[in-house]
PDB file of N, CA and C in Angstrom:
ATOM      1  N   MET A   1     -36.792   5.207   5.907  1.00  0.00           N
ATOM      2  CA  MET A   1     -36.126   4.391   6.901  1.00  0.00           C
ATOM      3  C   MET A   1     -35.336   5.284   7.857  1.00  0.00           C
ATOM      4  N   THR A   2     -35.427   4.996   9.133  1.00  0.00           N
ATOM      5  CA  THR A   2     -34.691   5.780  10.126  1.00  0.00           C
ATOM      6  C   THR A   2     -33.395   5.075  10.475  1.00  0.00           C
ATOM      7  N   SER A   3     -32.419   5.869  10.867  1.00  0.00           N
ATOM      8  CA  SER A   3     -31.166   5.279  11.330  1.00  0.00           C
ATOM      9  C   SER A   3     -30.945   5.705  12.776  1.00  0.00           C
ATOM     10  N   LYS A   4     -30.437   4.772  13.552  1.00  0.00           N
ATOM     11  CA  LYS A   4     -30.219   5.044  14.961  1.00  0.00           C
ATOM     12  C   LYS A   4     -29.039   5.994  15.132  1.00  0.00           C
ATOM     13  N   THR A   5     -29.223   6.980  15.987  1.00  0.00           N
ATOM     14  CA  THR A   5     -28.183   7.963  16.259  1.00  0.00           C
ATOM     15  C   THR A   5     -27.389   7.539  17.496  1.00  0.00           C
ATOM     16  N   ASP A   6     -26.294   8.247  17.752  1.00  0.00           N
ATOM     17  CA  ASP A   6     -25.505   7.969  18.951  1.00  0.00           C
ATOM     18  C   ASP A   6     -26.315   8.215  20.217  1.00  0.00           C
ATOM     19  N   VAL A   7     -27.138   9.265  20.199  1.00  0.00           N
ATOM     20  CA  VAL A   7     -27.925   9.567  21.395  1.00  0.00           C
ATOM     21  C   VAL A   7     -29.002   8.501  21.606  1.00  0.00           C
ATOM     22  N   ALA A   8     -29.578   7.983  20.540  1.00  0.00           N
ATOM     23  CA  ALA A   8     -30.559   6.888  20.668  1.00  0.00           C
ATOM     24  C   ALA A   8     -29.871   5.636  21.207  1.00  0.00           C
ATOM     25  N   SER A   9     -28.678   5.347  20.714  1.00  0.00           N
ATOM     26  CA  SER A   9     -27.920   4.195  21.212  1.00  0.00           C
ATOM     27  C   SER A   9     -27.545   4.380  22.675  1.00  0.00           C
ATOM     28  N   HIS A  10     -27.228   5.604  23.053  1.00  0.00           N
ATOM     29  CA  HIS A  10     -26.891   5.911  24.447  1.00  0.00           C
ATOM     30  C   HIS A  10     -28.101   5.630  25.341  1.00  0.00           C
ATOM     31  N   LEU A  11     -29.271   6.057  24.904  1.00  0.00           N
ATOM     32  CA  LEU A  11     -30.491   5.799  25.665  1.00  0.00           C
ATOM     33  C   LEU A  11     -30.765   4.306  25.756  1.00  0.00           C
ATOM     34  N   GLU A  12     -30.606   3.608  24.645  1.00  0.00           N
ATOM     35  CA  GLU A  12     -30.843   2.160  24.644  1.00  0.00           C
ATOM     36  C   GLU A  12     -29.923   1.455  25.653  1.00  0.00           C
ATOM     37  N   MET A  13     -28.656   1.820  25.667  1.00  0.00           N
ATOM     38  CA  MET A  13     -27.703   1.210  26.597  1.00  0.00           C
ATOM     39  C   MET A  13     -28.043   1.577  28.038  1.00  0.00           C
ATOM     40  N   ALA A  14     -28.414   2.826  28.266  1.00  0.00           N
ATOM     41  CA  ALA A  14     -28.787   3.259  29.616  1.00  0.00           C
ATOM     42  C   ALA A  14     -29.988   2.476  30.126  1.00  0.00           C
ATOM     43  N   ILE A  15     -30.948   2.222  29.252  1.00  0.00           N
ATOM     44  CA  ILE A  15     -32.128   1.445  29.632  1.00  0.00           C
ATOM     45  C   ILE A  15     -31.719   0.030  30.011  1.00  0.00           C
ATOM     46  N   LYS A  16     -30.891  -0.593  29.178  1.00  0.00           N
ATOM     47  CA  LYS A  16     -30.439  -1.965  29.463  1.00  0.00           C
ATOM     48  C   LYS A  16     -29.710  -2.039  30.804  1.00  0.00           C
ATOM     49  N   LEU A  17     -28.821  -1.081  31.040  1.00  0.00           N
ATOM     50  CA  LEU A  17     -28.023  -1.099  32.264  1.00  0.00           C
ATOM     51  C   LEU A  17     -28.835  -0.751  33.512  1.00  0.00           C
ATOM     52  N   SER A  18     -29.943  -0.044  33.323  1.00  0.00           N
ATOM     53  CA  SER A  18     -30.744   0.391  34.477  1.00  0.00           C
ATOM     54  C   SER A  18     -31.474  -0.766  35.156  1.00  0.00           C
ATOM     55  N   GLY A  19     -31.786  -1.812  34.392  1.00  0.00           N
ATOM     56  CA  GLY A  19     -32.554  -2.914  34.942  1.00  0.00           C
ATOM     57  C   GLY A  19     -34.031  -2.591  35.098  1.00  0.00           C
ATOM     58  N   LYS A  20     -34.440  -1.450  34.559  1.00  0.00           N
ATOM     59  CA  LYS A  20     -35.836  -1.030  34.664  1.00  0.00           C
ATOM     60  C   LYS A  20     -36.565  -1.321  33.358  1.00  0.00           C
ATOM     61  N   THR A  21     -37.875  -1.371  33.448  1.00  0.00           N
ATOM     62  CA  THR A  21     -38.677  -1.508  32.241  1.00  0.00           C
ATOM     63  C   THR A  21     -38.833  -0.152  31.585  1.00  0.00           C
ATOM     64  N   GLN A  22     -39.182  -0.167  30.306  1.00  0.00           N
ATOM     65  CA  GLN A  22     -39.425   1.089  29.608  1.00  0.00           C
ATOM     66  C   GLN A  22     -40.606   1.819  30.235  1.00  0.00           C
ATOM     67  N   ARG A  23     -41.566   1.092  30.745  1.00  0.00           N
ATOM     68  CA  ARG A  23     -42.717   1.715  31.406  1.00  0.00           C
ATOM     69  C   ARG A  23     -42.264   2.471  32.655  1.00  0.00           C
ATOM     70  N   GLU A  24     -41.374   1.855  33.448  1.00  0.00           N
ATOM     71  CA  GLU A  24     -40.867   2.517  34.656  1.00  0.00           C
ATOM     72  C   GLU A  24     -40.106   3.794  34.285  1.00  0.00           C
ATOM     73  N   ILE A  25     -39.262   3.682  33.276  1.00  0.00           N
ATOM     74  CA  ILE A  25     -38.477   4.838  32.846  1.00  0.00           C
ATOM     75  C   ILE A  25     -39.384   5.937  32.310  1.00  0.00           C
ATOM     76  N   ALA A  26     -40.370   5.560  31.509  1.00  0.00           N
ATOM     77  CA  ALA A  26     -41.321   6.538  30.974  1.00  0.00           C
ATOM     78  C   ALA A  26     -42.028   7.271  32.110  1.00  0.00           C
ATOM     79  N   ASN A  27     -42.521   6.529  33.083  1.00  0.00           N
ATOM     80  CA  ASN A  27     -43.219   7.143  34.209  1.00  0.00           C
ATOM     81  C   ASN A  27     -42.307   8.093  34.977  1.00  0.00           C
ATOM     82  N   GLU A  28     -41.080   7.651  35.262  1.00  0.00           N
ATOM     83  CA  GLU A  28     -40.133   8.481  36.012  1.00  0.00           C
ATOM     84  C   GLU A  28     -39.713   9.729  35.233  1.00  0.00           C
ATOM     85  N   ALA A  29     -39.710   9.625  33.911  1.00  0.00           N
ATOM     86  CA  ALA A  29     -39.301  10.757  33.074  1.00  0.00           C
ATOM     87  C   ALA A  29     -40.479  11.666  32.708  1.00  0.00           C
ATOM     88  N   GLY A  30     -41.675  11.310  33.175  1.00  0.00           N
ATOM     89  CA  GLY A  30     -42.826  12.169  32.945  1.00  0.00           C
ATOM     90  C   GLY A  30     -43.647  11.860  31.712  1.00  0.00           C
ATOM     91  N   TYR A  31     -43.473  10.676  31.142  1.00  0.00           N
ATOM     92  CA  TYR A  31     -44.264  10.272  29.989  1.00  0.00           C
ATOM     93  C   TYR A  31     -45.369   9.318  30.443  1.00  0.00           C
ATOM     94  N   SER A  32     -46.554   9.479  29.880  1.00  0.00           N
ATOM     95  CA  SER A  32     -47.668   8.612  30.246  1.00  0.00           C
ATOM     96  C   SER A  32     -47.687   7.327  29.428  1.00  0.00           C
ATOM     97  N   ASN A  33     -46.958   7.305  28.320  1.00  0.00           N
ATOM     98  CA  ASN A  33     -46.955   6.146  27.438  1.00  0.00           C
ATOM     99  C   ASN A  33     -45.520   5.691  27.216  1.00  0.00           C
ATOM    100  N   SER A  34     -45.262   4.422  27.451  1.00  0.00           N
ATOM    101  CA  SER A  34     -43.898   3.902  27.298  1.00  0.00           C
ATOM    102  C   SER A  34     -43.491   3.724  25.846  1.00  0.00           C
ATOM    103  N   ASN A  35     -44.428   3.794  24.919  1.00  0.00           N
ATOM    104  CA  ASN A  35     -44.078   3.655  23.499  1.00  0.00           C
ATOM    105  C   ASN A  35     -43.115   4.741  23.049  1.00  0.00           C
ATOM    106  N   ILE A  36     -43.198   5.915  23.646  1.00  0.00           N
ATOM    107  CA  ILE A  36     -42.308   7.011  23.263  1.00  0.00           C
ATOM    108  C   ILE A  36     -40.851   6.656  23.563  1.00  0.00           C
ATOM    109  N   ILE A  37     -40.618   5.915  24.637  1.00  0.00           N
ATOM    110  CA  ILE A  37     -39.253   5.487  24.977  1.00  0.00           C
ATOM    111  C   ILE A  37     -38.728   4.550  23.898  1.00  0.00           C
ATOM    112  N   SER A  38     -39.560   3.630  23.468  1.00  0.00           N
ATOM    113  CA  SER A  38     -39.179   2.710  22.397  1.00  0.00           C
ATOM    114  C   SER A  38     -38.875   3.470  21.110  1.00  0.00           C
ATOM    115  N   MET A  39     -39.703   4.446  20.791  1.00  0.00           N
ATOM    116  CA  MET A  39     -39.485   5.241  19.587  1.00  0.00           C
ATOM    117  C   MET A  39     -38.187   6.028  19.662  1.00  0.00           C
ATOM    118  N   MET A  40     -37.861   6.554  20.844  1.00  0.00           N
ATOM    119  CA  MET A  40     -36.613   7.305  21.023  1.00  0.00           C
ATOM    120  C   MET A  40     -35.404   6.396  20.890  1.00  0.00           C
ATOM    121  N   LYS A  41     -35.426   5.261  21.576  1.00  0.00           N
ATOM    122  CA  LYS A  41     -34.241   4.382  21.570  1.00  0.00           C
ATOM    123  C   LYS A  41     -34.013   3.726  20.218  1.00  0.00           C
ATOM    124  N   ASN A  42     -35.060   3.648  19.398  1.00  0.00           N
ATOM    125  CA  ASN A  42     -34.925   3.074  18.063  1.00  0.00           C
ATOM    126  C   ASN A  42     -34.691   4.116  16.983  1.00  0.00           C
ATOM    127  N   GLY A  43     -34.577   5.380  17.378  1.00  0.00           N
ATOM    128  CA  GLY A  43     -34.279   6.445  16.429  1.00  0.00           C
ATOM    129  C   GLY A  43     -35.465   6.877  15.592  1.00  0.00           C
ATOM    130  N   ILE A  44     -36.667   6.476  15.981  1.00  0.00           N
ATOM    131  CA  ILE A  44     -37.865   6.847  15.232  1.00  0.00           C
ATOM    132  C   ILE A  44     -38.250   8.291  15.521  1.00  0.00           C
ATOM    133  N   THR A  45     -38.045   8.707  16.759  1.00  0.00           N
ATOM    134  CA  THR A  45     -38.308  10.093  17.139  1.00  0.00           C
ATOM    135  C   THR A  45     -37.109  10.626  17.900  1.00  0.00           C
ATOM    136  N   LYS A  46     -36.852  11.919  17.754  1.00  0.00           N
ATOM    137  CA  LYS A  46     -35.714  12.533  18.446  1.00  0.00           C
ATOM    138  C   LYS A  46     -35.987  12.617  19.940  1.00  0.00           C
ATOM    139  N   ILE A  47     -34.929  12.579  20.703  1.00  0.00           N
ATOM    140  CA  ILE A  47     -35.030  12.729  22.149  1.00  0.00           C
ATOM    141  C   ILE A  47     -34.979  14.225  22.444  1.00  0.00           C
ATOM    142  N   PRO A  48     -36.040  14.776  23.040  1.00  0.00           N
ATOM    143  CA  PRO A  48     -36.018  16.201  23.347  1.00  0.00           C
ATOM    144  C   PRO A  48     -34.926  16.522  24.368  1.00  0.00           C
ATOM    145  N   VAL A  49     -34.102  17.489  24.059  1.00  0.00           N
ATOM    146  CA  VAL A  49     -32.999  17.858  24.943  1.00  0.00           C
ATOM    147  C   VAL A  49     -33.505  18.188  26.345  1.00  0.00           C
ATOM    148  N   GLU A  50     -34.643  18.837  26.427  1.00  0.00           N
ATOM    149  CA  GLU A  50     -35.170  19.228  27.738  1.00  0.00           C
ATOM    150  C   GLU A  50     -35.622  18.040  28.580  1.00  0.00           C
ATOM    151  N   LYS A  51     -35.807  16.865  27.965  1.00  0.00           N
ATOM    152  CA  LYS A  51     -36.197  15.669  28.713  1.00  0.00           C
ATOM    153  C   LYS A  51     -34.996  14.812  29.134  1.00  0.00           C
ATOM    154  N   ILE A  52     -33.821  15.151  28.640  1.00  0.00           N
ATOM    155  CA  ILE A  52     -32.645  14.338  28.937  1.00  0.00           C
ATOM    156  C   ILE A  52     -32.315  14.279  30.427  1.00  0.00           C
ATOM    157  N   PRO A  53     -32.370  15.377  31.176  1.00  0.00           N
ATOM    158  CA  PRO A  53     -32.097  15.233  32.611  1.00  0.00           C
ATOM    159  C   PRO A  53     -33.032  14.221  33.291  1.00  0.00           C
ATOM    160  N   ALA A  54     -34.305  14.230  32.942  1.00  0.00           N
ATOM    161  CA  ALA A  54     -35.251  13.284  33.539  1.00  0.00           C
ATOM    162  C   ALA A  54     -34.977  11.860  33.072  1.00  0.00           C
ATOM    163  N   LEU A  55     -34.633  11.686  31.796  1.00  0.00           N
ATOM    164  CA  LEU A  55     -34.296  10.352  31.292  1.00  0.00           C
ATOM    165  C   LEU A  55     -33.006   9.839  31.930  1.00  0.00           C
ATOM    166  N   ALA A  56     -32.033  10.726  32.101  1.00  0.00           N
ATOM    167  CA  ALA A  56     -30.777  10.339  32.748  1.00  0.00           C
ATOM    168  C   ALA A  56     -31.031   9.907  34.186  1.00  0.00           C
ATOM    169  N   ALA A  57     -31.836  10.668  34.907  1.00  0.00           N
ATOM    170  CA  ALA A  57     -32.153  10.319  36.294  1.00  0.00           C
ATOM    171  C   ALA A  57     -32.894   8.978  36.351  1.00  0.00           C
ATOM    172  N   ALA A  58     -33.830   8.778  35.447  1.00  0.00           N
ATOM    173  CA  ALA A  58     -34.618   7.547  35.438  1.00  0.00           C
ATOM    174  C   ALA A  58     -33.773   6.317  35.125  1.00  0.00           C
ATOM    175  N   THR A  59     -32.736   6.500  34.307  1.00  0.00           N
ATOM    176  CA  THR A  59     -31.892   5.361  33.928  1.00  0.00           C
ATOM    177  C   THR A  59     -30.613   5.266  34.756  1.00  0.00           C
ATOM    178  N   GLY A  60     -30.348   6.294  35.564  1.00  0.00           N
ATOM    179  CA  GLY A  60     -29.173   6.260  36.428  1.00  0.00           C
ATOM    180  C   GLY A  60     -27.867   6.598  35.738  1.00  0.00           C
ATOM    181  N   VAL A  61     -27.930   7.383  34.657  1.00  0.00           N
ATOM    182  CA  VAL A  61     -26.698   7.798  33.981  1.00  0.00           C
ATOM    183  C   VAL A  61     -26.461   9.286  34.210  1.00  0.00           C
ATOM    184  N   GLU A  62     -25.242   9.722  33.992  1.00  0.00           N
ATOM    185  CA  GLU A  62     -24.896  11.131  34.122  1.00  0.00           C
ATOM    186  C   GLU A  62     -25.565  11.912  32.986  1.00  0.00           C
ATOM    187  N   PRO A  63     -26.174  13.036  33.292  1.00  0.00           N
ATOM    188  CA  PRO A  63     -26.859  13.793  32.244  1.00  0.00           C
ATOM    189  C   PRO A  63     -25.920  14.515  31.276  1.00  0.00           C
ATOM    190  N   ALA A  64     -24.759  14.964  31.727  1.00  0.00           N
ATOM    191  CA  ALA A  64     -23.898  15.794  30.873  1.00  0.00           C
ATOM    192  C   ALA A  64     -23.480  15.108  29.571  1.00  0.00           C
ATOM    193  N   PRO A  65     -22.954  13.870  29.594  1.00  0.00           N
ATOM    194  CA  PRO A  65     -22.592  13.236  28.317  1.00  0.00           C
ATOM    195  C   PRO A  65     -23.801  13.016  27.406  1.00  0.00           C
ATOM    196  N   PHE A  66     -24.937  12.718  28.019  1.00  0.00           N
ATOM    197  CA  PHE A  66     -26.184  12.501  27.292  1.00  0.00           C
ATOM    198  C   PHE A  66     -26.607  13.806  26.598  1.00  0.00           C
ATOM    199  N   ILE A  67     -26.540  14.906  27.315  1.00  0.00           N
ATOM    200  CA  ILE A  67     -26.891  16.218  26.753  1.00  0.00           C
ATOM    201  C   ILE A  67     -25.915  16.595  25.640  1.00  0.00           C
ATOM    202  N   ARG A  68     -24.624  16.347  25.887  1.00  0.00           N
ATOM    203  CA  ARG A  68     -23.610  16.666  24.872  1.00  0.00           C
ATOM    204  C   ARG A  68     -23.895  15.931  23.567  1.00  0.00           C
ATOM    205  N   LEU A  69     -24.184  14.632  23.651  1.00  0.00           N
ATOM    206  CA  LEU A  69     -24.495  13.857  22.446  1.00  0.00           C
ATOM    207  C   LEU A  69     -25.701  14.425  21.713  1.00  0.00           C
ATOM    208  N   ALA A  70     -26.744  14.748  22.470  1.00  0.00           N
ATOM    209  CA  ALA A  70     -27.960  15.282  21.853  1.00  0.00           C
ATOM    210  C   ALA A  70     -27.690  16.610  21.156  1.00  0.00           C
ATOM    211  N   LEU A  71     -26.951  17.494  21.817  1.00  0.00           N
ATOM    212  CA  LEU A  71     -26.650  18.785  21.208  1.00  0.00           C
ATOM    213  C   LEU A  71     -25.765  18.634  19.976  1.00  0.00           C
ATOM    214  N   GLN A  72     -24.790  17.743  20.036  1.00  0.00           N
ATOM    215  CA  GLN A  72     -23.915  17.526  18.891  1.00  0.00           C
ATOM    216  C   GLN A  72     -24.698  17.021  17.681  1.00  0.00           C
ATOM    217  N   GLU A  73     -25.692  16.182  17.940  1.00  0.00           N
ATOM    218  CA  GLU A  73     -26.469  15.625  16.837  1.00  0.00           C
ATOM    219  C   GLU A  73     -27.585  16.541  16.353  1.00  0.00           C
ATOM    220  N   CYS A  74     -28.309  17.138  17.274  1.00  0.00           N
ATOM    221  CA  CYS A  74     -29.507  17.904  16.905  1.00  0.00           C
ATOM    222  C   CYS A  74     -29.233  19.374  16.658  1.00  0.00           C
ATOM    223  N   MET A  75     -28.259  19.916  17.369  1.00  0.00           N
ATOM    224  CA  MET A  75     -27.955  21.347  17.266  1.00  0.00           C
ATOM    225  C   MET A  75     -26.443  21.539  17.224  1.00  0.00           C
ATOM    226  N   PRO A  76     -25.788  21.048  16.180  1.00  0.00           N
ATOM    227  CA  PRO A  76     -24.325  21.095  16.158  1.00  0.00           C
ATOM    228  C   PRO A  76     -23.738  22.503  16.241  1.00  0.00           C
ATOM    229  N   GLU A  77     -24.372  23.473  15.611  1.00  0.00           N
ATOM    230  CA  GLU A  77     -23.854  24.844  15.662  1.00  0.00           C
ATOM    231  C   GLU A  77     -24.010  25.430  17.064  1.00  0.00           C
ATOM    232  N   THR A  78     -25.131  25.145  17.702  1.00  0.00           N
ATOM    233  CA  THR A  78     -25.343  25.593  19.083  1.00  0.00           C
ATOM    234  C   THR A  78     -24.314  24.957  19.990  1.00  0.00           C
ATOM    235  N   TRP A  79     -24.058  23.649  19.806  1.00  0.00           N
ATOM    236  CA  TRP A  79     -23.068  22.960  20.628  1.00  0.00           C
ATOM    237  C   TRP A  79     -21.684  23.587  20.450  1.00  0.00           C
ATOM    238  N   LYS A  80     -21.318  23.932  19.222  1.00  0.00           N
ATOM    239  CA  LYS A  80     -20.009  24.541  18.975  1.00  0.00           C
ATOM    240  C   LYS A  80     -19.851  25.845  19.754  1.00  0.00           C
ATOM    241  N   VAL A  81     -20.891  26.654  19.773  1.00  0.00           N
ATOM    242  CA  VAL A  81     -20.847  27.933  20.496  1.00  0.00           C
ATOM    243  C   VAL A  81     -20.736  27.677  21.996  1.00  0.00           C
ATOM    244  N   ILE A  82     -21.549  26.773  22.507  1.00  0.00           N
ATOM    245  CA  ILE A  82     -21.511  26.452  23.942  1.00  0.00           C
ATOM    246  C   ILE A  82     -20.137  25.905  24.316  1.00  0.00           C
ATOM    247  N   HIS A  83     -19.657  24.937  23.549  1.00  0.00           N
ATOM    248  CA  HIS A  83     -18.375  24.305  23.852  1.00  0.00           C
ATOM    249  C   HIS A  83     -17.229  25.306  23.813  1.00  0.00           C
ATOM    250  N   ALA A  84     -17.255  26.191  22.829  1.00  0.00           N
ATOM    251  CA  ALA A  84     -16.197  27.192  22.691  1.00  0.00           C
ATOM    252  C   ALA A  84     -16.210  28.210  23.827  1.00  0.00           C
ATOM    253  N   ASN A  85     -17.342  28.339  24.507  1.00  0.00           N
ATOM    254  CA  ASN A  85     -17.477  29.355  25.544  1.00  0.00           C
ATOM    255  C   ASN A  85     -17.753  28.779  26.924  1.00  0.00           C
ATOM    256  N   LEU A  86     -17.451  27.519  27.121  1.00  0.00           N
ATOM    257  CA  LEU A  86     -17.751  26.864  28.414  1.00  0.00           C
ATOM    258  C   LEU A  86     -17.088  27.559  29.586  1.00  0.00           C
ATOM    259  N   GLU A  87     -15.841  27.931  29.453  1.00  0.00           N
ATOM    260  CA  GLU A  87     -15.138  28.567  30.574  1.00  0.00           C
ATOM    261  C   GLU A  87     -15.793  29.890  30.945  1.00  0.00           C
ATOM    262  N   ALA A  88     -16.136  30.681  29.953  1.00  0.00           N
ATOM    263  CA  ALA A  88     -16.792  31.959  30.219  1.00  0.00           C
ATOM    264  C   ALA A  88     -18.163  31.738  30.854  1.00  0.00           C
ATOM    265  N   LEU A  89     -18.873  30.717  30.397  1.00  0.00           N
ATOM    266  CA  LEU A  89     -20.173  30.404  30.962  1.00  0.00           C
ATOM    267  C   LEU A  89     -20.060  29.977  32.429  1.00  0.00           C
ATOM    268  N   LYS A  90     -19.013  29.216  32.756  1.00  0.00           N
ATOM    269  CA  LYS A  90     -18.815  28.770  34.142  1.00  0.00           C
ATOM    270  C   LYS A  90     -18.582  29.972  35.063  1.00  0.00           C
ATOM    271  N   GLU A  91     -17.877  30.977  34.562  1.00  0.00           N
ATOM    272  CA  GLU A  91     -17.586  32.169  35.370  1.00  0.00           C
ATOM    273  C   GLU A  91     -18.856  32.945  35.700  1.00  0.00           C
ATOM    274  N   ASP A  92     -19.860  32.857  34.832  1.00  0.00           N
ATOM    275  CA  ASP A  92     -21.123  33.576  35.063  1.00  0.00           C
ATOM    276  C   ASP A  92     -22.034  32.870  36.062  1.00  0.00           C
ATOM    277  N   ILE A  93     -21.723  31.654  36.377  1.00  0.00           N
ATOM    278  CA  ILE A  93     -22.600  30.882  37.283  1.00  0.00           C
ATOM    279  C   ILE A  93     -22.277  31.181  38.725  1.00  0.00           C
TER     280      ILE A  93
END
């Protein structure tokens, strides 16, 4: 049995608020099949971090909180390093 994660719930809410169909969002995010969106929002499959900017754009939400949630859930140690070094990273940009 799968359990819905915060990032899956975030996607589900973004979809509801967008007023778009899952097919529209899938197409805009570069997926040929809308079933993958359903699987992501229901926690059946993980949301690939690299697809979050496209999903955020398709649903009209800010990508940064969406990315943060995904990193915290899928790569917590990576997120800790990034978060601890955000200021230094900003200086390099």
